Protein backbone atom coordinates (compact mmCIF):
# COMPACT_ATOMS: atom_id res chain seq x y z
CA MET A 1 0.00 0.00 0.01
CA LYS A 2 1.45 3.33 -1.10
CA ALA A 3 0.56 6.81 0.03
CA ARG A 4 1.81 10.30 -0.79
CA LEU A 5 1.60 13.25 1.62
CA GLY A 6 0.58 16.69 0.44
CA ILE A 7 -0.62 19.96 1.90
CA ALA A 8 -2.84 22.81 0.77
CA PRO A 9 -1.70 26.45 0.76
CA ILE A 10 -4.88 27.49 2.56
CA ALA A 11 -2.88 27.49 5.83
CA TRP A 12 -0.68 30.23 4.37
CA TRP A 13 -3.23 32.17 2.27
CA ASN A 14 -7.00 31.99 2.78
CA ASP A 15 -8.91 32.81 -0.39
CA ASP A 16 -12.11 33.75 1.42
CA LEU A 17 -10.69 35.77 4.30
CA ALA A 18 -7.64 37.81 3.38
CA GLU A 19 -6.95 38.52 7.06
CA LEU A 20 -6.30 34.78 7.51
CA SER A 21 -3.23 34.89 5.32
CA ASP A 22 0.43 34.84 6.06
CA ASP A 23 2.61 37.35 4.20
CA VAL A 24 4.78 34.77 2.44
CA SER A 25 5.57 34.29 -1.23
CA LEU A 26 4.81 31.22 -3.27
CA GLU A 27 8.47 30.21 -2.98
CA GLU A 28 8.49 30.49 0.78
CA CYS A 29 5.22 28.56 1.06
CA LEU A 30 6.69 25.72 -1.05
CA ALA A 31 9.94 25.85 0.90
CA GLN A 32 8.11 25.53 4.21
CA GLY A 33 5.91 22.73 2.92
CA ALA A 34 8.91 20.81 1.65
CA LYS A 35 10.91 21.39 4.88
CA ALA A 36 7.95 20.03 6.86
CA GLY A 37 8.26 16.85 4.80
CA PHE A 38 5.51 17.13 2.20
CA THR A 39 6.10 16.21 -1.45
CA GLY A 40 2.90 17.67 -2.91
CA MET A 41 0.86 20.85 -2.64
CA GLU A 42 -2.57 21.75 -3.95
CA THR A 43 -2.81 24.95 -5.97
CA GLY A 44 -3.91 28.30 -4.56
CA ARG A 45 -4.33 31.92 -5.60
CA ARG A 46 -0.60 32.66 -5.76
CA PHE A 47 0.13 29.75 -8.11
CA PRO A 48 0.68 30.64 -11.80
CA MET A 49 -1.55 28.49 -13.97
CA SER A 50 1.24 27.59 -16.38
CA MET A 51 3.71 24.74 -15.99
CA ALA A 52 6.22 26.71 -18.05
CA GLU A 53 6.26 29.21 -15.18
CA LEU A 54 5.39 26.98 -12.23
CA GLY A 55 7.32 23.85 -13.16
CA PRO A 56 10.83 25.16 -12.42
CA VAL A 57 9.66 26.55 -9.09
CA LEU A 58 8.12 23.25 -8.05
CA ASP A 59 11.21 21.36 -9.13
CA ARG A 60 13.41 23.60 -7.00
CA PHE A 61 11.55 22.40 -3.86
CA GLY A 62 10.73 18.84 -4.91
CA ILE A 63 7.02 19.51 -4.84
CA ALA A 64 4.31 18.12 -7.14
CA VAL A 65 0.83 19.47 -7.81
CA CYS A 66 -1.48 17.17 -5.85
CA GLY A 67 -4.81 18.75 -6.70
CA GLY A 68 -6.60 22.05 -6.45
CA TRP A 69 -10.03 23.58 -6.07
CA PHE A 70 -12.52 24.38 -8.84
CA SER A 71 -15.58 26.45 -7.90
CA GLY A 72 -18.27 24.62 -9.79
CA LEU A 73 -21.64 26.15 -10.67
CA LEU A 74 -23.24 23.11 -12.22
CA LEU A 75 -26.24 22.99 -9.88
CA ASP A 76 -27.80 26.03 -11.53
CA GLY A 77 -25.59 26.15 -14.60
CA ASP A 78 -25.18 24.64 -18.01
CA LEU A 79 -22.98 21.62 -18.69
CA GLU A 80 -21.26 23.16 -21.70
CA THR A 81 -20.62 26.38 -19.77
CA GLU A 82 -18.97 24.45 -16.97
CA LYS A 83 -16.84 22.53 -19.41
CA ALA A 84 -15.59 25.83 -20.79
CA ARG A 85 -14.97 27.24 -17.31
CA VAL A 86 -12.87 24.26 -16.19
CA ALA A 87 -10.94 23.76 -19.43
CA LYS A 88 -7.90 25.89 -18.59
CA GLN A 89 -7.43 24.29 -15.18
CA LEU A 90 -7.97 20.86 -16.72
CA ASP A 91 -5.22 21.46 -19.27
CA PHE A 92 -2.87 22.82 -16.62
CA PHE A 93 -3.46 19.95 -14.22
CA ARG A 94 -2.96 17.42 -16.96
CA ALA A 95 0.40 19.06 -17.83
CA ALA A 96 1.30 19.07 -14.09
CA GLY A 97 0.49 15.38 -13.66
CA ALA A 98 -2.03 16.19 -10.91
CA PRO A 99 -4.19 13.34 -9.61
CA CYS A 100 -7.50 15.19 -9.87
CA ILE A 101 -9.35 18.49 -9.78
CA VAL A 102 -11.19 19.10 -6.50
CA TYR A 103 -14.77 19.97 -7.47
CA GLY A 104 -16.59 22.18 -4.96
CA GLU A 105 -20.19 23.11 -5.76
CA THR A 106 -20.46 26.80 -4.98
CA ALA A 107 -23.86 27.49 -6.54
CA ARG A 108 -26.18 28.58 -3.66
CA SER A 109 -23.40 27.85 -1.14
CA ILE A 110 -23.06 30.03 1.93
CA GLN A 111 -19.50 28.94 2.71
CA GLY A 112 -17.98 32.28 1.70
CA ASN A 113 -20.74 34.52 3.06
CA PRO A 114 -19.77 35.93 6.48
CA SER A 115 -23.34 37.03 7.25
CA ALA A 116 -25.05 33.71 6.43
CA PRO A 117 -25.52 31.43 9.45
CA LEU A 118 -24.62 27.76 9.24
CA SER A 119 -28.27 26.83 9.64
CA GLY A 120 -29.12 28.73 6.45
CA LYS A 121 -27.33 26.32 4.11
CA PRO A 122 -29.22 25.41 0.92
CA VAL A 123 -31.25 22.20 1.06
CA LEU A 124 -32.23 20.07 -1.91
CA SER A 125 -35.00 17.46 -2.16
CA GLU A 126 -34.04 13.93 -3.13
CA ALA A 127 -35.49 14.59 -6.59
CA ASP A 128 -33.30 17.67 -6.90
CA ILE A 129 -30.22 15.74 -5.80
CA ALA A 130 -31.05 13.02 -8.33
CA ALA A 131 -31.26 15.58 -11.13
CA TYR A 132 -28.04 17.24 -9.93
CA GLY A 133 -26.41 13.81 -9.71
CA ARG A 134 -27.06 13.19 -13.39
CA LYS A 135 -25.52 16.51 -14.33
CA ILE A 136 -22.43 16.08 -12.14
CA SER A 137 -21.96 12.52 -13.45
CA ASP A 138 -21.98 13.77 -17.05
CA PHE A 139 -19.48 16.47 -16.11
CA ALA A 140 -17.28 14.01 -14.26
CA ASP A 141 -17.33 11.58 -17.16
CA TRP A 142 -16.33 14.33 -19.57
CA CYS A 143 -13.42 15.47 -17.38
CA THR A 144 -12.21 11.88 -17.03
CA GLY A 145 -12.40 11.55 -20.80
CA GLN A 146 -10.21 14.64 -21.10
CA GLY A 147 -7.57 12.94 -18.95
CA MET A 148 -8.27 14.59 -15.61
CA PRO A 149 -10.84 13.19 -13.14
CA ILE A 150 -12.68 15.33 -10.66
CA ALA A 151 -13.09 14.46 -6.97
CA TYR A 152 -16.33 15.79 -5.48
CA HIS A 153 -15.80 17.69 -2.23
CA HIS A 154 -18.68 17.51 0.25
CA HIS A 155 -18.43 20.83 2.05
CA MET A 156 -19.90 22.81 4.92
CA GLY A 157 -22.41 25.42 3.71
CA ALA A 158 -22.88 23.74 0.34
CA VAL A 159 -25.74 21.72 -1.10
CA ILE A 160 -23.94 18.46 -0.29
CA GLU A 161 -22.84 18.92 3.33
CA THR A 162 -24.37 16.23 5.54
CA GLU A 163 -23.88 12.48 5.53
CA ALA A 164 -27.47 11.98 4.38
CA GLU A 165 -26.93 14.42 1.49
CA LEU A 166 -23.72 12.69 0.51
CA ASP A 167 -25.45 9.30 0.65
CA LEU A 168 -28.08 10.57 -1.79
CA LEU A 169 -25.54 12.08 -4.16
CA MET A 170 -23.55 8.84 -4.20
CA GLN A 171 -26.81 6.91 -4.83
CA HIS A 172 -27.82 9.15 -7.73
CA SER A 173 -24.47 9.76 -9.39
CA SER A 174 -21.26 8.08 -10.47
CA VAL A 175 -18.99 10.98 -9.48
CA PRO A 176 -15.69 10.17 -7.74
CA LEU A 177 -15.41 11.35 -4.18
CA LEU A 178 -13.01 13.45 -2.13
CA TYR A 179 -13.25 12.33 1.48
CA ASP A 180 -12.82 15.09 4.06
CA ALA A 181 -13.18 13.85 7.65
CA GLY A 182 -13.12 17.39 9.03
CA HIS A 183 -16.04 18.69 7.00
CA MET A 184 -18.04 15.51 7.66
CA ALA A 185 -17.39 15.73 11.43
CA MET A 186 -18.43 19.38 11.52
CA ALA A 187 -21.59 18.47 9.63
CA GLY A 188 -22.41 15.90 12.34
CA GLY A 189 -21.74 12.86 10.17
CA ASP A 190 -20.10 9.57 11.10
CA VAL A 191 -16.64 9.76 9.54
CA MET A 192 -16.04 6.02 9.75
CA ARG A 193 -19.40 5.08 8.29
CA VAL A 194 -18.79 7.31 5.27
CA ILE A 195 -15.63 5.31 4.53
CA GLU A 196 -17.52 2.07 4.95
CA ASN A 197 -20.34 3.13 2.69
CA HIS A 198 -18.46 5.00 -0.03
CA HIS A 199 -14.86 3.76 -0.04
CA ALA A 200 -15.18 2.50 -3.62
CA ARG A 201 -15.70 6.11 -4.82
CA ILE A 202 -12.89 7.77 -2.83
CA ILE A 203 -10.03 8.93 -5.07
CA HIS A 204 -8.60 11.77 -2.95
CA VAL A 205 -8.39 12.48 0.78
CA HIS A 206 -8.19 15.73 2.74
CA THR A 207 -6.85 15.16 6.25
CA LYS A 208 -8.57 18.06 7.97
CA ASP A 209 -8.96 17.74 11.75
CA VAL A 210 -11.49 19.57 13.96
CA ARG A 211 -11.61 20.99 17.44
CA GLN A 212 -14.74 19.44 18.89
CA ASP A 213 -14.98 21.99 21.70
CA VAL A 214 -15.25 24.75 19.07
CA ILE A 215 -17.91 22.82 17.18
CA ASP A 216 -19.88 22.31 20.37
CA GLU A 217 -19.87 26.03 21.16
CA LEU A 218 -21.01 27.20 17.71
CA ASP A 219 -24.39 28.91 17.43
CA ARG A 220 -25.49 27.62 14.05
CA ASP A 221 -28.32 30.14 13.88
CA SER A 222 -25.90 33.07 14.02
CA ASP A 223 -22.35 31.83 13.34
CA SER A 224 -21.31 31.56 9.71
CA PHE A 225 -18.87 29.05 8.28
CA LEU A 226 -16.23 31.75 8.18
CA ASP A 227 -16.97 32.63 11.81
CA ALA A 228 -16.28 29.00 12.68
CA VAL A 229 -12.97 29.12 10.80
CA VAL A 230 -11.90 32.27 12.66
CA LYS A 231 -12.84 30.61 15.97
CA GLY A 232 -10.47 27.76 15.12
CA VAL A 233 -12.83 24.95 14.19
CA PHE A 234 -10.24 23.35 11.90
CA THR A 235 -6.69 22.23 12.48
CA VAL A 236 -4.11 19.70 11.30
CA PRO A 237 -4.01 15.99 12.24
CA GLY A 238 -2.42 15.55 15.62
CA ASP A 239 -3.82 18.83 16.97
CA GLY A 240 -7.54 18.09 16.97
CA SER A 241 -10.24 15.69 18.09
CA LEU A 242 -10.41 13.13 15.28
CA ASP A 243 -8.77 9.73 15.45
CA PHE A 244 -6.72 9.77 12.28
CA GLU A 245 -5.11 6.46 13.07
CA ALA A 246 -8.53 4.82 12.90
CA ILE A 247 -9.48 6.81 9.78
CA VAL A 248 -6.29 5.93 7.90
CA LYS A 249 -6.48 2.30 8.93
CA ALA A 250 -10.04 2.16 7.62
CA LEU A 251 -8.96 3.63 4.28
CA ALA A 252 -6.06 1.18 4.11
CA GLY A 253 -8.38 -1.68 4.84
CA LYS A 254 -10.51 -0.67 1.87
CA GLY A 255 -7.53 -0.49 -0.45
CA TYR A 256 -7.19 3.28 -0.83
CA GLU A 257 -3.84 4.34 -2.32
CA GLY A 258 -3.01 7.91 -3.27
CA TRP A 259 -2.69 11.35 -1.76
CA PHE A 260 -3.44 12.36 1.83
CA VAL A 261 -3.56 16.15 1.83
CA VAL A 262 -3.47 18.30 4.92
CA GLU A 263 -6.02 21.07 4.27
CA ALA A 264 -6.82 23.10 7.34
CA GLU A 265 -7.67 26.78 7.14
CA GLN A 266 -6.41 28.53 10.26
CA ALA A 267 -5.33 31.96 11.50
CA PRO A 268 -1.59 32.12 10.79
CA LYS A 269 -0.81 34.29 13.82
CA SER A 270 -2.26 31.85 16.35
CA SER A 271 -1.43 28.77 14.26
CA PRO A 272 1.85 29.43 12.42
CA PRO A 273 1.62 27.57 9.09
CA PHE A 274 5.10 26.06 9.12
CA GLU A 275 4.79 24.84 12.73
CA MET A 276 1.32 23.38 12.06
CA ALA A 277 2.59 21.75 8.84
CA LYS A 278 5.28 19.95 10.85
CA VAL A 279 2.69 18.76 13.40
CA GLY A 280 0.39 17.49 10.65
CA HIS A 281 3.21 15.71 8.77
CA ALA A 282 4.51 14.01 11.91
CA GLU A 283 1.05 12.71 12.78
CA LEU A 284 0.43 11.46 9.27
CA GLU A 285 3.81 9.65 9.18
CA ARG A 286 2.89 7.99 12.48
CA VAL A 287 -0.53 6.82 11.40
CA MET A 288 0.70 5.78 7.92
CA ALA A 289 3.21 3.47 9.51
CA SER A 290 0.56 2.10 11.86
CA ALA A 291 -1.80 1.43 8.90
CA GLY A 292 0.87 -0.29 6.85
CA TYR A 293 1.32 2.40 4.21
CA GLU A 294 4.60 3.03 2.45
CA VAL A 295 4.96 6.81 2.12
CA VAL A 296 6.33 7.62 -1.32
CA GLU A 297 8.85 10.42 -1.24
């Protein structure tokens, strides 16, 4: 069983809240990620979308592109329009040898709205999810045919947030899945049951941890998703409440091989990105060994 360890630049630069960003360059971010032990990084807003420009920088630090976010609008949009929107990123990721594009459905989402309470997330009927599932399946099939699969990211504040919503989407679609234990835990889902039920669809893993005490104190009728982030709801493995040894062992037991990406948006002043990256990497190395993974350098 082989695994690769990556990290997302969201710890250094937050795309939704500029105040949650460290004043570091792309080169320093990559240097810190590599020094912490990671061999991959997902893309972010300071990444040039050209391998001619980015490739030499990545090579300097021994870092590969291990994914990156696409803000999808397929729920309310047109399939051909979404194909056109993703085309540039798809071409770039294919050139970079990335494993997948992380698809996040942002249509109707409240995840980036600081005035929208968590309880105000959009809710779809099963019939609506079934119709959406057909659209996202067609989109996923097209992307795979272009040489770059998508991994669907269930996400707080989005139309597919809860375990029940994810179950319905998996039932009514064929889309590959990104498994994010942190988002599922914050949504109140059973992180182990999701692996049991949907392991065959998981092609990418975000290792986001949570602070359960912060979750328990949230007022979901007034606190927004971004409020929760500022309060410190997310952290890296080894610094939170989730049992990543059990999670990783469950994934290993189901035959998952691929990237495990630390993706934990935090305030860089209270949670220095480089220090947190080292904590996350050390914990992942520990649990990978316990689960029988060989970490590919």
